[in-house]
N, C-alpha and C. Protein backbone atom coordinates (compact mmCIF):
# COMPACT_ATOMS: atom_id res chain seq x y z
N MET A 1 -140.46 103.85 42.70
CA MET A 1 -140.00 104.61 43.86
C MET A 1 -140.80 105.91 43.92
N ARG A 2 -141.37 106.15 45.07
CA ARG A 2 -142.23 107.32 45.24
C ARG A 2 -141.44 108.62 45.17
N ARG A 3 -140.30 108.69 45.86
CA ARG A 3 -139.50 109.93 45.91
C ARG A 3 -138.39 109.87 44.87
N LYS A 4 -138.73 110.18 43.64
CA LYS A 4 -137.76 110.15 42.54
C LYS A 4 -136.60 111.12 42.76
N ASP A 5 -136.84 112.18 43.54
CA ASP A 5 -135.78 113.15 43.81
C ASP A 5 -134.69 112.57 44.70
N ARG A 6 -134.95 111.45 45.34
CA ARG A 6 -133.96 110.80 46.20
C ARG A 6 -133.35 109.55 45.57
N GLU A 7 -133.86 109.17 44.44
CA GLU A 7 -133.39 107.95 43.77
C GLU A 7 -131.98 108.13 43.21
N ILE A 8 -131.17 107.10 43.39
CA ILE A 8 -129.85 107.03 42.75
C ILE A 8 -130.02 106.09 41.57
N THR A 9 -129.80 106.61 40.37
CA THR A 9 -129.98 105.78 39.17
C THR A 9 -128.67 105.36 38.53
N ASP A 10 -127.60 106.06 38.83
CA ASP A 10 -126.30 105.74 38.25
C ASP A 10 -125.72 104.47 38.91
N PHE A 11 -125.41 103.47 38.10
CA PHE A 11 -124.91 102.19 38.59
C PHE A 11 -123.66 102.36 39.45
N ASP A 12 -122.72 103.17 38.99
CA ASP A 12 -121.47 103.36 39.74
C ASP A 12 -121.73 104.02 41.10
N GLU A 13 -122.70 104.92 41.18
CA GLU A 13 -123.06 105.53 42.46
C GLU A 13 -123.66 104.49 43.40
N MET A 14 -124.51 103.60 42.85
CA MET A 14 -125.08 102.53 43.67
C MET A 14 -123.97 101.66 44.26
N ILE A 15 -123.01 101.31 43.42
CA ILE A 15 -121.89 100.48 43.88
C ILE A 15 -121.09 101.21 44.95
N ALA A 16 -120.89 102.51 44.78
CA ALA A 16 -120.16 103.29 45.78
C ALA A 16 -120.87 103.27 47.13
N VAL A 17 -122.20 103.39 47.12
CA VAL A 17 -122.96 103.29 48.37
C VAL A 17 -122.75 101.92 49.00
N MET A 18 -122.84 100.87 48.20
CA MET A 18 -122.67 99.50 48.71
C MET A 18 -121.29 99.31 49.33
N ARG A 19 -120.28 99.91 48.73
CA ARG A 19 -118.92 99.78 49.27
C ARG A 19 -118.77 100.50 50.61
N ARG A 20 -119.61 101.52 50.84
CA ARG A 20 -119.56 102.24 52.12
C ARG A 20 -120.31 101.51 53.24
N CYS A 21 -121.10 100.53 52.90
CA CYS A 21 -121.89 99.80 53.90
C CYS A 21 -121.05 98.70 54.55
N ASP A 22 -121.42 98.34 55.77
CA ASP A 22 -120.68 97.27 56.44
C ASP A 22 -121.55 96.09 56.85
N VAL A 23 -122.85 96.16 56.60
CA VAL A 23 -123.76 95.05 56.88
C VAL A 23 -124.76 94.95 55.73
N CYS A 24 -125.05 93.73 55.34
CA CYS A 24 -126.09 93.48 54.35
C CYS A 24 -127.13 92.58 55.01
N ARG A 25 -128.38 92.99 54.94
CA ARG A 25 -129.46 92.19 55.50
C ARG A 25 -130.09 91.38 54.37
N LEU A 26 -130.14 90.07 54.58
CA LEU A 26 -130.80 89.19 53.62
C LEU A 26 -132.15 88.79 54.16
N ALA A 27 -133.15 88.83 53.32
CA ALA A 27 -134.51 88.42 53.69
C ALA A 27 -134.86 87.16 52.91
N PHE A 28 -135.17 86.12 53.67
CA PHE A 28 -135.54 84.83 53.09
C PHE A 28 -137.02 84.59 53.31
N GLN A 29 -137.59 83.73 52.47
CA GLN A 29 -138.99 83.34 52.62
C GLN A 29 -139.04 82.11 53.53
N ASP A 30 -139.68 82.26 54.67
CA ASP A 30 -139.82 81.17 55.63
C ASP A 30 -141.30 80.86 55.77
N ASP A 31 -141.82 80.10 54.81
CA ASP A 31 -143.25 79.82 54.74
C ASP A 31 -144.02 81.14 54.70
N ASP A 32 -144.78 81.48 55.74
CA ASP A 32 -145.59 82.69 55.67
C ASP A 32 -144.99 83.90 56.37
N ILE A 33 -143.79 83.74 56.99
CA ILE A 33 -143.17 84.86 57.70
C ILE A 33 -141.77 85.10 57.14
N PRO A 34 -141.46 86.31 56.67
CA PRO A 34 -140.10 86.58 56.19
C PRO A 34 -139.09 86.42 57.33
N TYR A 35 -137.88 86.04 56.98
CA TYR A 35 -136.80 85.88 57.94
C TYR A 35 -135.64 86.74 57.48
N ILE A 36 -135.20 87.67 58.32
CA ILE A 36 -134.13 88.59 57.95
C ILE A 36 -132.92 88.32 58.81
N VAL A 37 -131.75 88.30 58.17
CA VAL A 37 -130.52 88.07 58.91
C VAL A 37 -129.46 89.09 58.46
N PRO A 38 -128.83 89.80 59.42
CA PRO A 38 -127.75 90.74 59.07
C PRO A 38 -126.45 89.97 58.90
N LEU A 39 -125.71 90.27 57.84
CA LEU A 39 -124.49 89.54 57.54
C LEU A 39 -123.38 90.47 57.06
N ASN A 40 -122.14 90.08 57.34
CA ASN A 40 -121.00 90.70 56.68
C ASN A 40 -121.04 90.23 55.23
N PHE A 41 -120.48 91.01 54.33
CA PHE A 41 -120.57 90.64 52.92
C PHE A 41 -119.34 91.09 52.15
N GLY A 42 -119.18 90.49 51.01
CA GLY A 42 -118.20 90.92 50.03
C GLY A 42 -118.95 91.16 48.73
N MET A 43 -118.34 91.89 47.83
CA MET A 43 -119.04 92.23 46.59
C MET A 43 -118.09 92.12 45.41
N GLN A 44 -118.62 91.56 44.34
CA GLN A 44 -117.88 91.48 43.09
C GLN A 44 -118.74 92.13 42.01
N VAL A 45 -118.13 93.01 41.24
CA VAL A 45 -118.84 93.68 40.15
C VAL A 45 -118.09 93.36 38.87
N GLN A 46 -118.79 92.71 37.94
CA GLN A 46 -118.18 92.37 36.66
C GLN A 46 -119.20 92.60 35.55
N GLY A 47 -118.81 93.43 34.60
CA GLY A 47 -119.68 93.66 33.45
C GLY A 47 -121.07 94.12 33.81
N GLY A 48 -121.19 94.96 34.82
CA GLY A 48 -122.50 95.47 35.20
C GLY A 48 -123.33 94.50 36.03
N GLU A 49 -122.74 93.37 36.42
CA GLU A 49 -123.45 92.41 37.26
C GLU A 49 -122.83 92.38 38.64
N VAL A 50 -123.68 92.30 39.66
CA VAL A 50 -123.23 92.33 41.05
C VAL A 50 -123.48 90.96 41.69
N THR A 51 -122.46 90.48 42.38
CA THR A 51 -122.59 89.26 43.18
C THR A 51 -122.16 89.61 44.60
N LEU A 52 -123.01 89.27 45.56
CA LEU A 52 -122.70 89.49 46.97
C LEU A 52 -122.32 88.15 47.59
N PHE A 53 -121.25 88.14 48.40
CA PHE A 53 -120.77 86.91 49.03
C PHE A 53 -120.97 86.98 50.53
N PHE A 54 -121.30 85.83 51.12
CA PHE A 54 -121.55 85.72 52.55
C PHE A 54 -120.93 84.43 53.07
N HIS A 55 -120.75 84.36 54.38
CA HIS A 55 -120.24 83.13 54.98
C HIS A 55 -120.98 82.86 56.28
N GLY A 56 -120.89 81.61 56.75
CA GLY A 56 -121.55 81.26 58.00
C GLY A 56 -121.18 79.85 58.41
N ALA A 57 -121.88 79.38 59.41
CA ALA A 57 -121.67 78.01 59.90
C ALA A 57 -122.08 77.00 58.82
N LEU A 58 -121.81 75.75 59.06
CA LEU A 58 -122.13 74.71 58.08
C LEU A 58 -123.62 74.38 58.02
N GLU A 59 -124.36 74.73 59.06
CA GLU A 59 -125.79 74.45 59.06
C GLU A 59 -126.52 75.56 59.79
N GLY A 60 -127.83 75.59 59.60
CA GLY A 60 -128.64 76.59 60.28
C GLY A 60 -129.89 76.91 59.48
N LYS A 61 -130.72 77.75 60.06
CA LYS A 61 -132.03 78.07 59.49
C LYS A 61 -131.94 78.67 58.09
N LYS A 62 -130.96 79.56 57.88
CA LYS A 62 -130.91 80.21 56.55
C LYS A 62 -130.64 79.20 55.44
N TYR A 63 -129.87 78.15 55.73
CA TYR A 63 -129.59 77.14 54.71
C TYR A 63 -130.82 76.29 54.40
N GLU A 64 -131.63 76.04 55.42
CA GLU A 64 -132.90 75.33 55.20
C GLU A 64 -133.80 76.15 54.29
N MET A 65 -133.85 77.46 54.52
CA MET A 65 -134.69 78.33 53.69
C MET A 65 -134.15 78.45 52.28
N ILE A 66 -132.83 78.53 52.13
CA ILE A 66 -132.22 78.62 50.80
C ILE A 66 -132.58 77.40 49.97
N LYS A 67 -132.56 76.22 50.60
CA LYS A 67 -132.90 74.99 49.87
C LYS A 67 -134.35 74.99 49.41
N LYS A 68 -135.25 75.54 50.25
CA LYS A 68 -136.67 75.58 49.90
C LYS A 68 -137.00 76.70 48.91
N HIS A 69 -136.39 77.87 49.13
CA HIS A 69 -136.68 79.06 48.32
C HIS A 69 -135.37 79.81 48.09
N PRO A 70 -134.67 79.55 47.01
CA PRO A 70 -133.35 80.18 46.81
C PRO A 70 -133.38 81.66 46.44
N ARG A 71 -134.54 82.22 46.24
CA ARG A 71 -134.60 83.66 45.95
C ARG A 71 -134.62 84.42 47.26
N ALA A 72 -133.94 85.57 47.29
CA ALA A 72 -133.87 86.38 48.50
C ALA A 72 -133.82 87.85 48.13
N ALA A 73 -134.15 88.68 49.09
CA ALA A 73 -134.03 90.13 48.95
C ALA A 73 -132.90 90.59 49.87
N PHE A 74 -132.32 91.74 49.53
CA PHE A 74 -131.27 92.30 50.38
C PHE A 74 -131.50 93.77 50.61
N GLU A 75 -130.90 94.27 51.69
CA GLU A 75 -130.94 95.69 52.02
C GLU A 75 -129.66 96.04 52.73
N MET A 76 -129.09 97.20 52.39
CA MET A 76 -127.94 97.74 53.12
C MET A 76 -128.08 99.25 53.15
N ASP A 77 -127.58 99.86 54.21
CA ASP A 77 -127.70 101.31 54.36
C ASP A 77 -126.51 101.85 55.14
N CYS A 78 -126.25 103.14 54.96
CA CYS A 78 -125.12 103.78 55.62
C CYS A 78 -125.34 105.30 55.64
N ALA A 79 -124.34 106.04 56.09
CA ALA A 79 -124.35 107.51 56.11
C ALA A 79 -125.52 108.08 56.88
N HIS A 80 -125.83 107.48 58.02
CA HIS A 80 -126.94 107.95 58.85
C HIS A 80 -126.54 109.20 59.62
N ARG A 81 -127.43 110.16 59.62
CA ARG A 81 -127.19 111.37 60.40
C ARG A 81 -128.53 112.02 60.70
N LEU A 82 -128.79 112.23 61.98
CA LEU A 82 -129.99 112.94 62.40
C LEU A 82 -129.78 114.43 62.18
N VAL A 83 -130.74 115.07 61.52
CA VAL A 83 -130.67 116.50 61.24
C VAL A 83 -131.84 117.17 61.95
N LEU A 84 -131.52 118.03 62.92
CA LEU A 84 -132.54 118.74 63.69
C LEU A 84 -132.71 120.16 63.16
N ASP A 85 -133.94 120.61 63.11
CA ASP A 85 -134.25 121.98 62.72
C ASP A 85 -134.97 122.62 63.91
N ASP A 86 -134.20 123.35 64.71
CA ASP A 86 -134.76 123.96 65.91
C ASP A 86 -135.84 124.99 65.60
N ASP A 87 -135.67 125.71 64.50
CA ASP A 87 -136.65 126.76 64.15
C ASP A 87 -138.01 126.15 63.81
N LYS A 88 -138.01 125.05 63.09
CA LYS A 88 -139.26 124.40 62.67
C LYS A 88 -139.71 123.32 63.65
N HIS A 89 -138.89 123.06 64.65
CA HIS A 89 -139.18 122.00 65.62
C HIS A 89 -139.43 120.67 64.90
N SER A 90 -138.51 120.36 64.00
CA SER A 90 -138.65 119.12 63.23
C SER A 90 -137.29 118.46 63.08
N CYS A 91 -137.32 117.26 62.59
CA CYS A 91 -136.07 116.55 62.33
C CYS A 91 -136.25 115.62 61.14
N THR A 92 -135.13 115.22 60.59
CA THR A 92 -135.13 114.26 59.50
C THR A 92 -133.87 113.42 59.64
N MET A 93 -133.77 112.38 58.85
CA MET A 93 -132.61 111.50 58.89
C MET A 93 -131.98 111.46 57.51
N GLU A 94 -130.67 111.68 57.46
CA GLU A 94 -129.93 111.49 56.23
C GLU A 94 -129.51 110.02 56.14
N TYR A 95 -129.41 109.51 54.93
CA TYR A 95 -129.04 108.11 54.73
C TYR A 95 -128.71 107.85 53.27
N GLU A 96 -128.12 106.70 53.03
CA GLU A 96 -127.96 106.13 51.69
C GLU A 96 -128.37 104.67 51.83
N SER A 97 -129.08 104.13 50.85
CA SER A 97 -129.50 102.74 50.95
C SER A 97 -129.61 102.10 49.57
N VAL A 98 -129.45 100.79 49.57
CA VAL A 98 -129.63 99.99 48.36
C VAL A 98 -130.46 98.78 48.75
N ILE A 99 -131.47 98.47 47.95
CA ILE A 99 -132.25 97.25 48.14
C ILE A 99 -132.29 96.51 46.81
N GLY A 100 -132.51 95.22 46.89
CA GLY A 100 -132.58 94.44 45.67
C GLY A 100 -132.97 93.01 45.94
N SER A 101 -132.86 92.21 44.89
CA SER A 101 -133.22 90.80 45.01
C SER A 101 -132.38 89.99 44.03
N GLY A 102 -132.38 88.69 44.27
CA GLY A 102 -131.65 87.79 43.39
C GLY A 102 -131.79 86.37 43.85
N THR A 103 -130.89 85.54 43.36
CA THR A 103 -130.90 84.11 43.65
C THR A 103 -129.66 83.75 44.45
N VAL A 104 -129.87 82.97 45.51
CA VAL A 104 -128.78 82.53 46.38
C VAL A 104 -128.25 81.19 45.87
N VAL A 105 -126.92 81.09 45.85
CA VAL A 105 -126.25 79.86 45.41
C VAL A 105 -125.20 79.49 46.46
N LEU A 106 -125.24 78.25 46.93
CA LEU A 106 -124.20 77.74 47.82
C LEU A 106 -122.97 77.43 46.99
N LEU A 107 -121.81 77.86 47.44
CA LEU A 107 -120.57 77.66 46.68
C LEU A 107 -119.92 76.34 47.06
N ASN A 108 -119.22 75.75 46.09
CA ASN A 108 -118.51 74.50 46.36
C ASN A 108 -117.13 74.79 46.95
N GLU A 109 -116.45 73.77 47.37
CA GLU A 109 -115.16 73.93 48.05
C GLU A 109 -114.16 74.72 47.21
N ASP A 110 -114.15 74.50 45.89
CA ASP A 110 -113.19 75.18 45.02
C ASP A 110 -113.47 76.68 44.89
N GLU A 111 -114.71 77.09 45.12
CA GLU A 111 -115.09 78.49 44.97
C GLU A 111 -114.97 79.31 46.26
N LYS A 112 -114.87 78.64 47.39
CA LYS A 112 -114.93 79.32 48.68
C LYS A 112 -113.78 80.30 48.92
N TYR A 113 -112.57 79.91 48.61
CA TYR A 113 -111.42 80.75 48.95
C TYR A 113 -111.51 82.13 48.30
N GLU A 114 -111.74 82.18 46.99
CA GLU A 114 -111.82 83.47 46.29
C GLU A 114 -112.99 84.30 46.81
N ALA A 115 -114.09 83.65 47.14
CA ALA A 115 -115.24 84.37 47.67
C ALA A 115 -114.92 84.98 49.03
N LEU A 116 -114.20 84.23 49.87
CA LEU A 116 -113.81 84.75 51.19
C LEU A 116 -112.81 85.91 51.06
N LEU A 117 -111.92 85.83 50.08
CA LEU A 117 -111.02 86.97 49.83
C LEU A 117 -111.83 88.21 49.46
N CYS A 118 -112.83 88.02 48.63
CA CYS A 118 -113.70 89.12 48.22
C CYS A 118 -114.42 89.70 49.44
N LEU A 119 -114.87 88.85 50.31
CA LEU A 119 -115.55 89.29 51.52
C LEU A 119 -114.61 90.12 52.39
N MET A 120 -113.38 89.64 52.55
CA MET A 120 -112.41 90.36 53.37
C MET A 120 -112.07 91.74 52.79
N ARG A 121 -112.08 91.86 51.48
CA ARG A 121 -111.74 93.14 50.84
C ARG A 121 -112.77 94.23 51.14
N GLN A 122 -113.99 93.84 51.50
CA GLN A 122 -115.00 94.84 51.87
C GLN A 122 -114.59 95.57 53.15
N TYR A 123 -113.82 94.89 54.00
CA TYR A 123 -113.49 95.43 55.31
C TYR A 123 -112.01 95.74 55.51
N HIS A 124 -111.18 95.24 54.62
CA HIS A 124 -109.73 95.37 54.79
C HIS A 124 -109.14 95.65 53.42
N SER A 125 -108.33 96.69 53.30
CA SER A 125 -107.86 97.14 51.99
C SER A 125 -106.89 96.17 51.31
N GLU A 126 -106.24 95.33 52.08
CA GLU A 126 -105.29 94.38 51.50
C GLU A 126 -105.79 92.96 51.77
N ASP A 127 -105.27 92.00 50.99
CA ASP A 127 -105.64 90.62 51.25
C ASP A 127 -105.19 90.22 52.64
N PHE A 128 -106.09 89.61 53.38
CA PHE A 128 -105.82 89.19 54.75
C PHE A 128 -105.52 87.70 54.75
N PRO A 129 -104.37 87.29 55.26
CA PRO A 129 -104.00 85.87 55.23
C PRO A 129 -104.73 85.07 56.31
N PHE A 130 -105.99 84.68 56.01
CA PHE A 130 -106.77 83.93 56.99
C PHE A 130 -106.42 82.44 56.95
N ASN A 131 -106.77 81.74 58.01
CA ASN A 131 -106.48 80.33 58.15
C ASN A 131 -107.32 79.51 57.17
N ARG A 132 -106.70 78.92 56.17
CA ARG A 132 -107.43 78.17 55.14
C ARG A 132 -108.11 76.92 55.69
N GLU A 133 -107.66 76.44 56.83
CA GLU A 133 -108.30 75.27 57.45
C GLU A 133 -109.75 75.59 57.85
N MET A 134 -110.02 76.85 58.11
CA MET A 134 -111.38 77.26 58.50
C MET A 134 -112.37 77.11 57.35
N ILE A 135 -111.90 77.06 56.13
CA ILE A 135 -112.79 76.92 54.97
C ILE A 135 -113.59 75.63 55.07
N LYS A 136 -112.99 74.59 55.62
CA LYS A 136 -113.67 73.28 55.73
C LYS A 136 -114.90 73.36 56.64
N VAL A 137 -114.88 74.26 57.59
CA VAL A 137 -115.99 74.35 58.54
C VAL A 137 -116.80 75.63 58.33
N THR A 138 -116.75 76.17 57.12
CA THR A 138 -117.45 77.40 56.78
C THR A 138 -118.27 77.20 55.51
N ASN A 139 -119.53 77.59 55.56
CA ASN A 139 -120.35 77.63 54.36
C ASN A 139 -120.15 78.99 53.72
N VAL A 140 -120.04 79.02 52.41
CA VAL A 140 -119.93 80.27 51.68
C VAL A 140 -121.00 80.24 50.60
N PHE A 141 -121.72 81.34 50.49
CA PHE A 141 -122.78 81.41 49.49
C PHE A 141 -122.82 82.80 48.89
N CYS A 142 -123.46 82.91 47.76
CA CYS A 142 -123.56 84.21 47.11
C CYS A 142 -124.99 84.51 46.72
N LEU A 143 -125.25 85.79 46.55
CA LEU A 143 -126.52 86.26 46.01
C LEU A 143 -126.19 86.90 44.67
N ARG A 144 -126.69 86.32 43.61
CA ARG A 144 -126.52 86.91 42.28
C ARG A 144 -127.64 87.92 42.10
N VAL A 145 -127.26 89.19 42.17
CA VAL A 145 -128.24 90.28 42.15
C VAL A 145 -128.87 90.37 40.77
N GLU A 146 -130.19 90.36 40.75
CA GLU A 146 -130.96 90.46 39.50
C GLU A 146 -131.62 91.82 39.36
N HIS A 147 -131.85 92.48 40.49
CA HIS A 147 -132.51 93.79 40.47
C HIS A 147 -132.08 94.56 41.71
N MET A 148 -131.84 95.86 41.56
CA MET A 148 -131.56 96.69 42.73
C MET A 148 -131.92 98.14 42.45
N THR A 149 -132.27 98.83 43.53
CA THR A 149 -132.54 100.26 43.47
C THR A 149 -131.80 100.91 44.63
N ALA A 150 -131.57 102.20 44.51
CA ALA A 150 -130.84 102.92 45.57
C ALA A 150 -131.49 104.27 45.80
N LYS A 151 -131.27 104.77 47.01
CA LYS A 151 -131.91 106.01 47.42
C LYS A 151 -130.99 106.72 48.40
N GLN A 152 -131.06 108.04 48.42
CA GLN A 152 -130.30 108.81 49.39
C GLN A 152 -131.11 110.02 49.82
N ARG A 153 -130.88 110.42 51.04
CA ARG A 153 -131.52 111.62 51.58
C ARG A 153 -130.44 112.45 52.22
N LYS A 154 -130.21 113.60 51.66
CA LYS A 154 -129.24 114.54 52.22
C LYS A 154 -129.95 115.87 52.38
N LYS A 155 -129.77 116.49 53.52
CA LYS A 155 -130.40 117.78 53.77
C LYS A 155 -130.00 118.75 52.66
N GLY A 156 -130.97 119.35 52.03
CA GLY A 156 -130.70 120.27 50.93
C GLY A 156 -130.41 119.57 49.61
N GLY A 157 -130.56 118.22 49.60
CA GLY A 157 -130.38 117.47 48.38
C GLY A 157 -128.94 117.19 48.00
N ALA A 158 -127.99 117.60 48.82
CA ALA A 158 -126.58 117.37 48.49
C ALA A 158 -126.28 115.88 48.47
N LYS A 159 -125.54 115.45 47.47
CA LYS A 159 -125.14 114.04 47.38
C LYS A 159 -123.92 113.81 48.26
N PRO A 160 -123.74 112.56 48.74
CA PRO A 160 -122.59 112.27 49.60
C PRO A 160 -121.30 112.39 48.83
N SER A 161 -120.25 112.69 49.56
CA SER A 161 -118.94 112.81 48.89
C SER A 161 -118.21 111.49 48.89
């Protein structure tokens, strides 16, 4: 990372940034052109390991790519704020972001329910009683994170609260 002064190295801080995000972009290898898709996500952290959960239709382009190349990269960001400096006639953007990579795994029927609960917890503080019949027509997959880095930019270097 070029700007070490903006790097977040503390694992718990990285997780806190991820919990503040509401979209995770997955980048898949599609022959010679990367393919990026924004997705809702859930996150599980156990013993210093991060697993991201996603859901979607039963078929589609991303599943074709997962079968060919199960490795993927991810990116999520939040806390955006434009900061204008009228005296210097300049501006900058505040942000927090996490990027990383890992291996995508399609979940079996027995694993889907718990993964979907995890996904719902990212957006809703309590368990949401969703229609279990929908699980039959929903693909659920996870990204087992193998590497990640995080960065933040706050005017004056202040860290987010």
